[in-house]
Amino acid sequence: MRNIYQIIIIALLSLPILTPGSHANETEYEFTQKGMYYMFRGSFLVNAELDCVIDLIYNFNNLSEYICGVQSIERIQQGDGWYDVCFSYRKLLVFENISTWRRTLKADDHKIVFEMLSSKNNMKNMPDVLSSKGYYQFTKEKDLCRLSYFQECTLDSGFLSNVYIKQSKQEAIQFLHDLKKYIKRKCN
């Protein structure tokens, strides 16, 4: 029975995420992989005030509105300009992941930095995330705001590592598109 679940998970994770329309002119991204390390960089322009976008992305109360697929979000602790948050994900009815992240606002740099503090999943065949960190950078370009997103991740090698990395790429691309729509809706 466990082998059937593994086959189903591999098949479902291998399916591409389809996005309506062409986003090539609107959103730029780059994905690089070397072994068990990958890096994702993307950016887009929105017609929104810089301060609105920064507040929208940093504010803990907004996370559930733009972080897709999360089952629960809990703020663990906070300080001046930072907080730790725990995300619980459940995918395909059998895969669960709980990860804790520190999010830090660097207001003078128009940047939100994030770093994974811990990660645990329930399936031995899924790779463990050894480290992950990145940032959101906000810059003004004429009357527009550019949001640049960067994340790098190192995984433990495992049976499903390549499937996991492929799925991570697809989810990161979809995340950028969804984030842009969310900002347009909230900051216009």
C-alpha atoms as a PDB file:
ATOM      1  CA  MET A   1       0.000   0.000   0.000  1.00  0.00           C
ATOM      2  CA  ARG A   2       2.850   2.382   0.840  1.00  0.00           C
ATOM      3  CA  ASN A   3       4.354   1.799  -2.628  1.00  0.00           C
ATOM      4  CA  ILE A   4       1.056   2.810  -4.231  1.00  0.00           C
ATOM      5  CA  TYR A   5       1.098   6.096  -2.282  1.00  0.00           C
ATOM      6  CA  GLN A   6       4.673   6.729  -3.412  1.00  0.00           C
ATOM      7  CA  ILE A   7       3.766   6.123  -7.067  1.00  0.00           C
ATOM      8  CA  ILE A   8       0.728   8.421  -6.776  1.00  0.00           C
ATOM      9  CA  ILE A   9       2.818  11.150  -5.136  1.00  0.00           C
ATOM     10  CA  ILE A  10       5.507  10.933  -7.833  1.00  0.00           C
ATOM     11  CA  ALA A  11       2.871  11.101 -10.580  1.00  0.00           C
ATOM     12  CA  LEU A  12       1.025  14.054  -9.051  1.00  0.00           C
ATOM     13  CA  LEU A  13       4.179  16.027  -8.226  1.00  0.00           C
ATOM     14  CA  SER A  14       5.355  15.553 -11.807  1.00  0.00           C
ATOM     15  CA  LEU A  15       2.306  17.274 -13.281  1.00  0.00           C
ATOM     16  CA  PRO A  16       2.969  20.823 -14.450  1.00  0.00           C
ATOM     17  CA  ILE A  17       1.171  23.712 -12.840  1.00  0.00           C
ATOM     18  CA  LEU A  18      -0.821  25.426 -15.558  1.00  0.00           C
ATOM     19  CA  THR A  19      -1.250  29.166 -15.512  1.00  0.00           C
ATOM     20  CA  PRO A  20      -3.755  30.937 -17.751  1.00  0.00           C
ATOM     21  CA  GLY A  21      -2.372  33.237 -20.429  1.00  0.00           C
ATOM     22  CA  SER A  22       1.182  34.238 -21.100  1.00  0.00           C
ATOM     23  CA  HIS A  23       3.130  35.858 -18.297  1.00  0.00           C
ATOM     24  CA  ALA A  24       6.442  36.097 -20.131  1.00  0.00           C
ATOM     25  CA  ASN A  25       6.224  39.877 -20.567  1.00  0.00           C
ATOM     26  CA  GLU A  26       5.023  40.528 -17.027  1.00  0.00           C
ATOM     27  CA  THR A  27       7.082  38.352 -14.725  1.00  0.00           C
ATOM     28  CA  GLU A  28      10.743  37.441 -15.014  1.00  0.00           C
ATOM     29  CA  TYR A  29      12.331  34.489 -13.263  1.00  0.00           C
ATOM     30  CA  GLU A  30      15.445  32.343 -13.213  1.00  0.00           C
ATOM     31  CA  PHE A  31      15.847  28.890 -11.692  1.00  0.00           C
ATOM     32  CA  THR A  32      19.253  27.288 -11.191  1.00  0.00           C
ATOM     33  CA  GLN A  33      19.990  23.835  -9.832  1.00  0.00           C
ATOM     34  CA  LYS A  34      23.305  22.217  -8.978  1.00  0.00           C
ATOM     35  CA  GLY A  35      22.975  18.853  -7.294  1.00  0.00           C
ATOM     36  CA  MET A  36      20.821  19.255  -4.205  1.00  0.00           C
ATOM     37  CA  TYR A  37      21.089  23.063  -4.239  1.00  0.00           C
ATOM     38  CA  TYR A  38      18.662  25.291  -6.096  1.00  0.00           C
ATOM     39  CA  MET A  39      18.137  29.011  -6.421  1.00  0.00           C
ATOM     40  CA  PHE A  40      15.074  30.891  -7.609  1.00  0.00           C
ATOM     41  CA  ARG A  41      15.076  34.569  -8.537  1.00  0.00           C
ATOM     42  CA  GLY A  42      12.077  36.443  -9.906  1.00  0.00           C
ATOM     43  CA  SER A  43      10.657  39.933 -10.209  1.00  0.00           C
ATOM     44  CA  PHE A  44       7.700  41.908 -11.474  1.00  0.00           C
ATOM     45  CA  LEU A  45       6.414  45.475 -11.624  1.00  0.00           C
ATOM     46  CA  VAL A  46       3.127  46.601 -10.093  1.00  0.00           C
ATOM     47  CA  ASN A  47       1.327  49.907 -10.105  1.00  0.00           C
ATOM     48  CA  ALA A  48       1.370  50.337  -6.338  1.00  0.00           C
ATOM     49  CA  GLU A  49       2.963  52.457  -3.630  1.00  0.00           C
ATOM     50  CA  LEU A  50       6.193  51.041  -2.235  1.00  0.00           C
ATOM     51  CA  ASP A  51       5.090  51.350   1.410  1.00  0.00           C
ATOM     52  CA  CYS A  52       1.793  49.560   0.718  1.00  0.00           C
ATOM     53  CA  VAL A  53       3.570  46.608  -0.898  1.00  0.00           C
ATOM     54  CA  ILE A  54       6.167  46.310   1.878  1.00  0.00           C
ATOM     55  CA  ASP A  55       3.512  46.419   4.605  1.00  0.00           C
ATOM     56  CA  LEU A  56       1.320  43.953   2.739  1.00  0.00           C
ATOM     57  CA  ILE A  57       4.101  41.367   2.380  1.00  0.00           C
ATOM     58  CA  TYR A  58       5.600  41.794   5.864  1.00  0.00           C
ATOM     59  CA  ASN A  59       2.396  41.947   7.927  1.00  0.00           C
ATOM     60  CA  PHE A  60       1.831  38.583   9.660  1.00  0.00           C
ATOM     61  CA  ASN A  61      -1.959  38.881   9.317  1.00  0.00           C
ATOM     62  CA  ASN A  62      -1.650  38.841   5.509  1.00  0.00           C
ATOM     63  CA  LEU A  63       0.445  35.674   5.137  1.00  0.00           C
ATOM     64  CA  SER A  64      -2.505  33.317   4.760  1.00  0.00           C
ATOM     65  CA  GLU A  65      -3.799  35.438   1.879  1.00  0.00           C
ATOM     66  CA  TYR A  66      -0.757  35.009  -0.359  1.00  0.00           C
ATOM     67  CA  ILE A  67       1.079  31.887   0.893  1.00  0.00           C
ATOM     68  CA  CYS A  68      -0.684  29.149  -1.078  1.00  0.00           C
ATOM     69  CA  GLY A  69      -1.337  25.636   0.105  1.00  0.00           C
ATOM     70  CA  VAL A  70      -0.652  26.289   3.774  1.00  0.00           C
ATOM     71  CA  GLN A  71      -2.830  24.422   6.244  1.00  0.00           C
ATOM     72  CA  SER A  72      -1.991  26.594   9.251  1.00  0.00           C
ATOM     73  CA  ILE A  73       0.198  29.572  10.145  1.00  0.00           C
ATOM     74  CA  GLU A  74       1.250  30.394  13.694  1.00  0.00           C
ATOM     75  CA  ARG A  75       3.371  33.273  14.949  1.00  0.00           C
ATOM     76  CA  ILE A  76       5.725  31.824  17.551  1.00  0.00           C
ATOM     77  CA  GLN A  77       7.526  34.931  18.774  1.00  0.00           C
ATOM     78  CA  GLN A  78       8.310  38.438  17.652  1.00  0.00           C
ATOM     79  CA  GLY A  79      10.595  41.337  18.332  1.00  0.00           C
ATOM     80  CA  ASP A  80      11.241  44.782  16.936  1.00  0.00           C
ATOM     81  CA  GLY A  81      11.264  44.337  13.149  1.00  0.00           C
ATOM     82  CA  TRP A  82      11.151  40.520  13.109  1.00  0.00           C
ATOM     83  CA  TYR A  83       8.969  37.530  13.905  1.00  0.00           C
ATOM     84  CA  ASP A  84       9.182  33.738  13.779  1.00  0.00           C
ATOM     85  CA  VAL A  85       6.371  31.899  12.047  1.00  0.00           C
ATOM     86  CA  CYS A  86       5.497  28.209  11.740  1.00  0.00           C
ATOM     87  CA  PHE A  87       3.871  26.953   8.517  1.00  0.00           C
ATOM     88  CA  SER A  88       2.126  23.583   8.302  1.00  0.00           C
ATOM     89  CA  TYR A  89       1.572  22.173   4.821  1.00  0.00           C
ATOM     90  CA  ARG A  90      -0.329  19.109   3.726  1.00  0.00           C
ATOM     91  CA  LYS A  91      -0.154  17.977   0.115  1.00  0.00           C
ATOM     92  CA  LEU A  92      -1.747  15.084  -1.686  1.00  0.00           C
ATOM     93  CA  LEU A  93      -3.418  13.882   1.518  1.00  0.00           C
ATOM     94  CA  VAL A  94      -0.262  12.090   2.709  1.00  0.00           C
ATOM     95  CA  PHE A  95       2.691  14.503   2.617  1.00  0.00           C
ATOM     96  CA  GLU A  96       3.049  16.899   5.548  1.00  0.00           C
ATOM     97  CA  ASN A  97       5.727  19.479   6.274  1.00  0.00           C
ATOM     98  CA  ILE A  98       6.152  21.781   9.256  1.00  0.00           C
ATOM     99  CA  SER A  99       8.708  24.542   8.935  1.00  0.00           C
ATOM    100  CA  THR A 100       9.676  27.524  11.065  1.00  0.00           C
ATOM    101  CA  TRP A 101      10.986  30.739   9.536  1.00  0.00           C
ATOM    102  CA  ARG A 102      12.340  34.036  10.795  1.00  0.00           C
ATOM    103  CA  ARG A 103      11.093  37.059   8.828  1.00  0.00           C
ATOM    104  CA  THR A 104      12.998  40.315   9.342  1.00  0.00           C
ATOM    105  CA  LEU A 105      12.027  43.739   8.041  1.00  0.00           C
ATOM    106  CA  LYS A 106      14.992  45.830   6.888  1.00  0.00           C
ATOM    107  CA  ALA A 107      12.992  49.042   6.446  1.00  0.00           C
ATOM    108  CA  ASP A 108      15.913  51.272   5.439  1.00  0.00           C
ATOM    109  CA  ASP A 109      16.847  48.825   2.656  1.00  0.00           C
ATOM    110  CA  HIS A 110      13.198  48.217   1.547  1.00  0.00           C
ATOM    111  CA  LYS A 111      13.767  44.519   2.126  1.00  0.00           C
ATOM    112  CA  ILE A 112      12.215  41.570   3.961  1.00  0.00           C
ATOM    113  CA  VAL A 113      14.694  38.788   4.716  1.00  0.00           C
ATOM    114  CA  PHE A 114      13.595  35.265   5.588  1.00  0.00           C
ATOM    115  CA  GLU A 115      15.503  32.244   6.842  1.00  0.00           C
ATOM    116  CA  MET A 116      14.333  28.739   7.665  1.00  0.00           C
ATOM    117  CA  LEU A 117      15.015  27.806  11.283  1.00  0.00           C
ATOM    118  CA  SER A 118      13.693  24.233  11.080  1.00  0.00           C
ATOM    119  CA  SER A 119      11.856  21.865   8.765  1.00  0.00           C
ATOM    120  CA  LYS A 120      10.388  18.425   9.264  1.00  0.00           C
ATOM    121  CA  ASN A 121       8.327  16.226   6.970  1.00  0.00           C
ATOM    122  CA  ASN A 122       6.492  12.988   7.597  1.00  0.00           C
ATOM    123  CA  MET A 123       7.776  10.878   4.681  1.00  0.00           C
ATOM    124  CA  LYS A 124      11.220   9.306   4.651  1.00  0.00           C
ATOM    125  CA  ASN A 125      11.341   9.279   0.837  1.00  0.00           C
ATOM    126  CA  MET A 126      10.961  13.058   0.636  1.00  0.00           C
ATOM    127  CA  PRO A 127      14.228  14.978   0.996  1.00  0.00           C
ATOM    128  CA  ASP A 128      14.868  16.993   4.129  1.00  0.00           C
ATOM    129  CA  VAL A 129      15.431  20.699   3.592  1.00  0.00           C
ATOM    130  CA  LEU A 130      18.820  21.396   5.168  1.00  0.00           C
ATOM    131  CA  SER A 131      18.783  25.170   4.684  1.00  0.00           C
ATOM    132  CA  SER A 132      16.731  27.815   2.958  1.00  0.00           C
ATOM    133  CA  LYS A 133      16.859  31.595   2.974  1.00  0.00           C
ATOM    134  CA  GLY A 134      16.040  34.539   0.797  1.00  0.00           C
ATOM    135  CA  TYR A 135      14.433  37.945   0.570  1.00  0.00           C
ATOM    136  CA  TYR A 136      11.855  40.242  -0.953  1.00  0.00           C
ATOM    137  CA  GLN A 137      13.422  43.480  -2.271  1.00  0.00           C
ATOM    138  CA  PHE A 138      11.260  46.502  -3.115  1.00  0.00           C
ATOM    139  CA  THR A 139      12.388  49.305  -5.432  1.00  0.00           C
ATOM    140  CA  LYS A 140      10.643  52.245  -7.019  1.00  0.00           C
ATOM    141  CA  GLU A 141      10.804  52.517 -10.816  1.00  0.00           C
ATOM    142  CA  LYS A 142       9.109  55.721 -11.983  1.00  0.00           C
ATOM    143  CA  ASP A 143       5.503  55.381 -10.753  1.00  0.00           C
ATOM    144  CA  LEU A 144       5.760  51.618 -10.296  1.00  0.00           C
ATOM    145  CA  CYS A 145       7.063  49.272  -7.615  1.00  0.00           C
ATOM    146  CA  ARG A 146       9.365  46.386  -8.499  1.00  0.00           C
ATOM    147  CA  LEU A 147       9.218  43.376  -6.235  1.00  0.00           C
ATOM    148  CA  SER A 148      12.279  41.147  -6.535  1.00  0.00           C
ATOM    149  CA  TYR A 149      12.157  37.751  -4.872  1.00  0.00           C
ATOM    150  CA  PHE A 150      15.122  35.476  -4.164  1.00  0.00           C
ATOM    151  CA  GLN A 151      15.314  32.098  -2.438  1.00  0.00           C
ATOM    152  CA  GLU A 152      18.025  29.472  -2.195  1.00  0.00           C
ATOM    153  CA  CYS A 153      17.637  26.012  -0.764  1.00  0.00           C
ATOM    154  CA  THR A 154      19.830  23.007  -0.013  1.00  0.00           C
ATOM    155  CA  LEU A 155      18.272  19.561   0.293  1.00  0.00           C
ATOM    156  CA  ASP A 156      19.410  16.246   1.645  1.00  0.00           C
ATOM    157  CA  SER A 157      19.584  13.737  -1.197  1.00  0.00           C
ATOM    158  CA  GLY A 158      16.717  11.306  -1.286  1.00  0.00           C
ATOM    159  CA  PHE A 159      14.655   9.096  -3.530  1.00  0.00           C
ATOM    160  CA  LEU A 160      12.293  11.936  -4.522  1.00  0.00           C
ATOM    161  CA  SER A 161      14.786  14.829  -4.531  1.00  0.00           C
ATOM    162  CA  ASN A 162      14.525  15.613  -8.249  1.00  0.00           C
ATOM    163  CA  VAL A 163      10.737  15.438  -8.144  1.00  0.00           C
ATOM    164  CA  TYR A 164      10.767  17.744  -5.114  1.00  0.00           C
ATOM    165  CA  ILE A 165      13.026  20.271  -6.874  1.00  0.00           C
ATOM    166  CA  LYS A 166      10.905  20.230 -10.047  1.00  0.00           C
ATOM    167  CA  GLN A 167       7.766  20.817  -7.982  1.00  0.00           C
ATOM    168  CA  SER A 168       9.486  23.615  -6.036  1.00  0.00           C
ATOM    169  CA  LYS A 169      10.299  25.395  -9.293  1.00  0.00           C
ATOM    170  CA  GLN A 170       6.709  25.165 -10.512  1.00  0.00           C
ATOM    171  CA  GLU A 171       5.368  26.374  -7.171  1.00  0.00           C
ATOM    172  CA  ALA A 172       7.797  29.332  -7.088  1.00  0.00           C
ATOM    173  CA  ILE A 173       6.703  30.473 -10.552  1.00  0.00           C
ATOM    174  CA  GLN A 174       3.040  30.164  -9.596  1.00  0.00           C
ATOM    175  CA  PHE A 175       3.740  31.990  -6.326  1.00  0.00           C
ATOM    176  CA  LEU A 176       5.107  35.012  -8.218  1.00  0.00           C
ATOM    177  CA  HIS A 177       2.017  35.203 -10.434  1.00  0.00           C
ATOM    178  CA  ASP A 178      -0.348  34.838  -7.473  1.00  0.00           C
ATOM    179  CA  LEU A 179       1.604  37.383  -5.421  1.00  0.00           C
ATOM    180  CA  LYS A 180       1.383  39.948  -8.206  1.00  0.00           C
ATOM    181  CA  LYS A 181      -2.390  39.484  -8.466  1.00  0.00           C
ATOM    182  CA  TYR A 182      -2.725  39.800  -4.687  1.00  0.00           C
ATOM    183  CA  ILE A 183      -0.728  43.056  -4.595  1.00  0.00           C
ATOM    184  CA  LYS A 184      -2.767  44.513  -7.467  1.00  0.00           C
ATOM    185  CA  ARG A 185      -5.972  43.683  -5.601  1.00  0.00           C
ATOM    186  CA  LYS A 186      -4.839  45.091  -2.246  1.00  0.00           C
ATOM    187  CA  CYS A 187      -2.640  48.091  -3.118  1.00  0.00           C
ATOM    188  CA  ASN A 188      -4.567  49.730  -5.975  1.00  0.00           C
END
